[in-house]
Amino acid sequence: MIHLAIERQCGATLLISLIMLVVLTLFAVAGFNLSSVNLKIAGNYQAQKSMEAVALEAIEQIISSAAPFNAPAAVLPTLTVSGYTVNVGTPACNYAVEAKGYTKKIGELSPEDTSWEVRASYTDPATNASAVIVQGVSVRMRSGNCPAS
């Protein structure tokens, strides 16, 4: 009688072992897929931040000089920043207000506080991913230099 019970259970142990092996394999495959997706997300985030940094560096180069604000109609060339080609738009003046703290105004020589918008864009040629950065800048300059006012 004991002998018959043992013969019936030998196949059940093998079947349960195979089911557990399949379940563990599915968990391992799901773990690998999840880690590769997370790796792609991290890589895309790093590439996005790199493109934003390149565009911001181009904007910093533009706003470090007063020339683009004194002649805003001039077309700015594309800039090469850290080996990348960045398109920088012409600065756009949003508004100008009379500068405070000056006692004597002499026509055009009276200063204005102007608000400008500078736009830079970069497109990665390998992935076609792009980033556009818009930076606001305040510049105190001679009156009449803001086309919007």
C-alpha atoms as a PDB file:
ATOM      1  CA  MET A   1       0.000   0.000   0.000  1.00  0.00           C
ATOM      2  CA  ILE A   2       2.793   2.439   0.781  1.00  0.00           C
ATOM      3  CA  HIS A   3       4.486   1.464  -2.425  1.00  0.00           C
ATOM      4  CA  LEU A   4       1.479   2.555  -4.572  1.00  0.00           C
ATOM      5  CA  ALA A   5       1.263   6.008  -2.909  1.00  0.00           C
ATOM      6  CA  ILE A   6       4.924   6.705  -3.643  1.00  0.00           C
ATOM      7  CA  GLU A   7       4.526   5.815  -7.322  1.00  0.00           C
ATOM      8  CA  ARG A   8       1.656   8.300  -7.752  1.00  0.00           C
ATOM      9  CA  GLN A   9       3.565  11.260  -6.186  1.00  0.00           C
ATOM     10  CA  CYS A  10       6.795  11.048  -8.195  1.00  0.00           C
ATOM     11  CA  GLY A  11       5.321  12.850 -11.209  1.00  0.00           C
ATOM     12  CA  ALA A  12       3.657  15.588  -9.096  1.00  0.00           C
ATOM     13  CA  THR A  13       6.973  16.753  -7.652  1.00  0.00           C
ATOM     14  CA  LEU A  14       8.483  17.080 -11.109  1.00  0.00           C
ATOM     15  CA  LEU A  15       5.448  18.982 -12.413  1.00  0.00           C
ATOM     16  CA  ILE A  16       5.460  21.457  -9.490  1.00  0.00           C
ATOM     17  CA  SER A  17       9.235  21.977  -9.899  1.00  0.00           C
ATOM     18  CA  LEU A  18       8.800  22.777 -13.595  1.00  0.00           C
ATOM     19  CA  ILE A  19       5.963  25.231 -12.862  1.00  0.00           C
ATOM     20  CA  MET A  20       8.098  27.005 -10.249  1.00  0.00           C
ATOM     21  CA  LEU A  21      11.010  27.145 -12.706  1.00  0.00           C
ATOM     22  CA  VAL A  22       8.780  28.747 -15.365  1.00  0.00           C
ATOM     23  CA  VAL A  23       7.427  31.311 -12.843  1.00  0.00           C
ATOM     24  CA  LEU A  24      10.950  32.238 -11.714  1.00  0.00           C
ATOM     25  CA  THR A  25      12.068  32.551 -15.352  1.00  0.00           C
ATOM     26  CA  LEU A  26       9.144  34.895 -16.080  1.00  0.00           C
ATOM     27  CA  PHE A  27      10.116  37.045 -13.066  1.00  0.00           C
ATOM     28  CA  ALA A  28      13.714  37.218 -14.317  1.00  0.00           C
ATOM     29  CA  VAL A  29      12.651  38.203 -17.850  1.00  0.00           C
ATOM     30  CA  ALA A  30      10.281  40.873 -16.482  1.00  0.00           C
ATOM     31  CA  GLY A  31      13.110  42.222 -14.307  1.00  0.00           C
ATOM     32  CA  PHE A  32      15.474  42.476 -17.293  1.00  0.00           C
ATOM     33  CA  ASN A  33      12.821  44.242 -19.382  1.00  0.00           C
ATOM     34  CA  LEU A  34      12.068  46.701 -16.584  1.00  0.00           C
ATOM     35  CA  SER A  35      15.750  47.501 -16.065  1.00  0.00           C
ATOM     36  CA  SER A  36      16.313  48.092 -19.790  1.00  0.00           C
ATOM     37  CA  VAL A  37      13.306  50.453 -19.911  1.00  0.00           C
ATOM     38  CA  ASN A  38      14.655  52.335 -16.889  1.00  0.00           C
ATOM     39  CA  LEU A  39      18.048  52.563 -18.569  1.00  0.00           C
ATOM     40  CA  LYS A  40      16.460  54.045 -21.720  1.00  0.00           C
ATOM     41  CA  ILE A  41      14.518  56.570 -19.637  1.00  0.00           C
ATOM     42  CA  ALA A  42      17.682  57.647 -17.825  1.00  0.00           C
ATOM     43  CA  GLY A  43      19.582  57.924 -21.123  1.00  0.00           C
ATOM     44  CA  ASN A  44      16.838  60.049 -22.696  1.00  0.00           C
ATOM     45  CA  TYR A  45      16.726  62.306 -19.634  1.00  0.00           C
ATOM     46  CA  GLN A  46      20.497  62.753 -19.776  1.00  0.00           C
ATOM     47  CA  ALA A  47      20.359  63.583 -23.501  1.00  0.00           C
ATOM     48  CA  GLN A  48      17.558  66.105 -22.881  1.00  0.00           C
ATOM     49  CA  LYS A  49      19.515  67.851 -20.138  1.00  0.00           C
ATOM     50  CA  SER A  50      22.614  67.901 -22.344  1.00  0.00           C
ATOM     51  CA  MET A  51      20.684  69.578 -25.182  1.00  0.00           C
ATOM     52  CA  GLU A  52      19.197  72.114 -22.763  1.00  0.00           C
ATOM     53  CA  ALA A  53      22.664  72.893 -21.416  1.00  0.00           C
ATOM     54  CA  VAL A  54      24.002  73.476 -24.933  1.00  0.00           C
ATOM     55  CA  ALA A  55      21.108  75.849 -25.743  1.00  0.00           C
ATOM     56  CA  LEU A  56      21.550  77.707 -22.433  1.00  0.00           C
ATOM     57  CA  GLU A  57      25.269  78.104 -23.079  1.00  0.00           C
ATOM     58  CA  ALA A  58      24.480  79.662 -26.474  1.00  0.00           C
ATOM     59  CA  ILE A  59      22.053  82.087 -24.817  1.00  0.00           C
ATOM     60  CA  GLU A  60      24.703  83.006 -22.264  1.00  0.00           C
ATOM     61  CA  GLN A  61      27.116  83.812 -25.095  1.00  0.00           C
ATOM     62  CA  ILE A  62      24.505  86.083 -26.710  1.00  0.00           C
ATOM     63  CA  ILE A  63      23.489  87.970 -23.560  1.00  0.00           C
ATOM     64  CA  SER A  64      27.091  88.503 -22.472  1.00  0.00           C
ATOM     65  CA  SER A  65      27.384  91.186 -25.158  1.00  0.00           C
ATOM     66  CA  ALA A  66      25.308  94.334 -25.654  1.00  0.00           C
ATOM     67  CA  ALA A  67      25.607  94.168 -29.455  1.00  0.00           C
ATOM     68  CA  PRO A  68      22.526  91.973 -30.106  1.00  0.00           C
ATOM     69  CA  PHE A  69      20.398  94.380 -28.051  1.00  0.00           C
ATOM     70  CA  ASN A  70      21.726  97.551 -29.684  1.00  0.00           C
ATOM     71  CA  ALA A  71      20.948  96.212 -33.169  1.00  0.00           C
ATOM     72  CA  PRO A  72      18.134  93.716 -32.583  1.00  0.00           C
ATOM     73  CA  ALA A  73      17.179  93.568 -36.257  1.00  0.00           C
ATOM     74  CA  ALA A  74      20.528  91.994 -37.125  1.00  0.00           C
ATOM     75  CA  VAL A  75      20.285  88.272 -37.811  1.00  0.00           C
ATOM     76  CA  LEU A  76      22.412  86.246 -35.439  1.00  0.00           C
ATOM     77  CA  PRO A  77      24.519  83.475 -36.910  1.00  0.00           C
ATOM     78  CA  THR A  78      24.254  79.926 -35.678  1.00  0.00           C
ATOM     79  CA  LEU A  79      26.661  79.336 -32.825  1.00  0.00           C
ATOM     80  CA  THR A  80      28.915  76.376 -32.253  1.00  0.00           C
ATOM     81  CA  VAL A  81      28.807  75.478 -28.578  1.00  0.00           C
ATOM     82  CA  SER A  82      30.855  72.539 -27.282  1.00  0.00           C
ATOM     83  CA  GLY A  83      30.922  71.099 -30.795  1.00  0.00           C
ATOM     84  CA  TYR A  84      27.146  71.443 -31.345  1.00  0.00           C
ATOM     85  CA  THR A  85      25.472  73.858 -33.768  1.00  0.00           C
ATOM     86  CA  VAL A  86      22.791  75.915 -32.018  1.00  0.00           C
ATOM     87  CA  ASN A  87      20.288  78.216 -33.732  1.00  0.00           C
ATOM     88  CA  VAL A  88      19.784  81.431 -31.793  1.00  0.00           C
ATOM     89  CA  GLY A  89      16.906  83.699 -32.721  1.00  0.00           C
ATOM     90  CA  THR A  90      17.078  87.455 -32.875  1.00  0.00           C
ATOM     91  CA  PRO A  91      16.411  88.952 -29.413  1.00  0.00           C
ATOM     92  CA  ALA A  92      12.884  90.333 -29.163  1.00  0.00           C
ATOM     93  CA  CYS A  93      12.124  93.348 -26.988  1.00  0.00           C
ATOM     94  CA  ASN A  94       8.926  92.876 -24.971  1.00  0.00           C
ATOM     95  CA  TYR A  95       8.648  96.313 -23.379  1.00  0.00           C
ATOM     96  CA  ALA A  96      10.602  99.295 -22.090  1.00  0.00           C
ATOM     97  CA  VAL A  97       9.967 101.511 -19.070  1.00  0.00           C
ATOM     98  CA  GLU A  98      11.676 104.686 -17.981  1.00  0.00           C
ATOM     99  CA  ALA A  99      14.565 103.922 -15.646  1.00  0.00           C
ATOM    100  CA  LYS A 100      14.076 105.250 -12.125  1.00  0.00           C
ATOM    101  CA  GLY A 101      16.670 107.149 -10.159  1.00  0.00           C
ATOM    102  CA  TYR A 102      17.744 109.632 -12.826  1.00  0.00           C
ATOM    103  CA  THR A 103      17.053 113.283 -12.073  1.00  0.00           C
ATOM    104  CA  LYS A 104      17.725 114.926 -15.425  1.00  0.00           C
ATOM    105  CA  LYS A 105      16.323 113.533 -18.665  1.00  0.00           C
ATOM    106  CA  ILE A 106      17.947 114.743 -21.876  1.00  0.00           C
ATOM    107  CA  GLY A 107      15.830 113.475 -24.773  1.00  0.00           C
ATOM    108  CA  GLU A 108      17.166 110.212 -26.178  1.00  0.00           C
ATOM    109  CA  LEU A 109      19.924 110.022 -23.604  1.00  0.00           C
ATOM    110  CA  SER A 110      17.528 109.109 -20.806  1.00  0.00           C
ATOM    111  CA  PRO A 111      17.890 105.412 -19.962  1.00  0.00           C
ATOM    112  CA  GLU A 112      15.170 102.774 -20.134  1.00  0.00           C
ATOM    113  CA  ASP A 113      14.870  99.396 -18.463  1.00  0.00           C
ATOM    114  CA  THR A 114      14.046  97.011 -21.299  1.00  0.00           C
ATOM    115  CA  SER A 115      12.844  93.404 -21.166  1.00  0.00           C
ATOM    116  CA  TRP A 116      14.086  91.075 -23.904  1.00  0.00           C
ATOM    117  CA  GLU A 117      13.407  87.490 -24.903  1.00  0.00           C
ATOM    118  CA  VAL A 118      16.169  85.327 -26.382  1.00  0.00           C
ATOM    119  CA  ARG A 119      15.336  81.938 -27.942  1.00  0.00           C
ATOM    120  CA  ALA A 120      17.817  79.145 -28.711  1.00  0.00           C
ATOM    121  CA  SER A 121      17.092  75.765 -30.268  1.00  0.00           C
ATOM    122  CA  TYR A 122      19.175  72.667 -30.816  1.00  0.00           C
ATOM    123  CA  THR A 123      18.291  69.501 -32.731  1.00  0.00           C
ATOM    124  CA  ASP A 124      20.350  66.364 -32.270  1.00  0.00           C
ATOM    125  CA  PRO A 125      21.139  65.053 -35.758  1.00  0.00           C
ATOM    126  CA  ALA A 126      21.426  61.444 -34.575  1.00  0.00           C
ATOM    127  CA  THR A 127      18.063  61.166 -32.818  1.00  0.00           C
ATOM    128  CA  ASN A 128      16.133  64.198 -34.191  1.00  0.00           C
ATOM    129  CA  ALA A 129      15.374  65.148 -30.577  1.00  0.00           C
ATOM    130  CA  SER A 130      15.209  68.892 -30.051  1.00  0.00           C
ATOM    131  CA  ALA A 131      15.233  71.401 -27.240  1.00  0.00           C
ATOM    132  CA  VAL A 132      14.077  75.014 -27.303  1.00  0.00           C
ATOM    133  CA  ILE A 133      15.072  77.344 -24.469  1.00  0.00           C
ATOM    134  CA  VAL A 134      13.600  80.823 -24.026  1.00  0.00           C
ATOM    135  CA  GLN A 135      15.406  83.173 -21.641  1.00  0.00           C
ATOM    136  CA  GLY A 136      14.221  86.548 -20.422  1.00  0.00           C
ATOM    137  CA  VAL A 137      16.752  89.330 -19.944  1.00  0.00           C
ATOM    138  CA  SER A 138      16.534  92.852 -18.539  1.00  0.00           C
ATOM    139  CA  VAL A 139      18.875  95.421 -20.045  1.00  0.00           C
ATOM    140  CA  ARG A 140      19.229  99.089 -19.089  1.00  0.00           C
ATOM    141  CA  MET A 141      19.961 101.042 -22.229  1.00  0.00           C
ATOM    142  CA  ARG A 142      19.489 104.356 -23.978  1.00  0.00           C
ATOM    143  CA  SER A 143      15.862 105.126 -24.822  1.00  0.00           C
ATOM    144  CA  GLY A 144      14.571 104.222 -28.244  1.00  0.00           C
ATOM    145  CA  ASN A 145      16.348 100.876 -28.566  1.00  0.00           C
ATOM    146  CA  CYS A 146      13.282  98.780 -27.884  1.00  0.00           C
ATOM    147  CA  PRO A 147      11.246  98.343 -31.089  1.00  0.00           C
ATOM    148  CA  ALA A 148       8.194  97.233 -29.057  1.00  0.00           C
ATOM    149  CA  SER A 149       7.885 100.521 -27.137  1.00  0.00           C
END
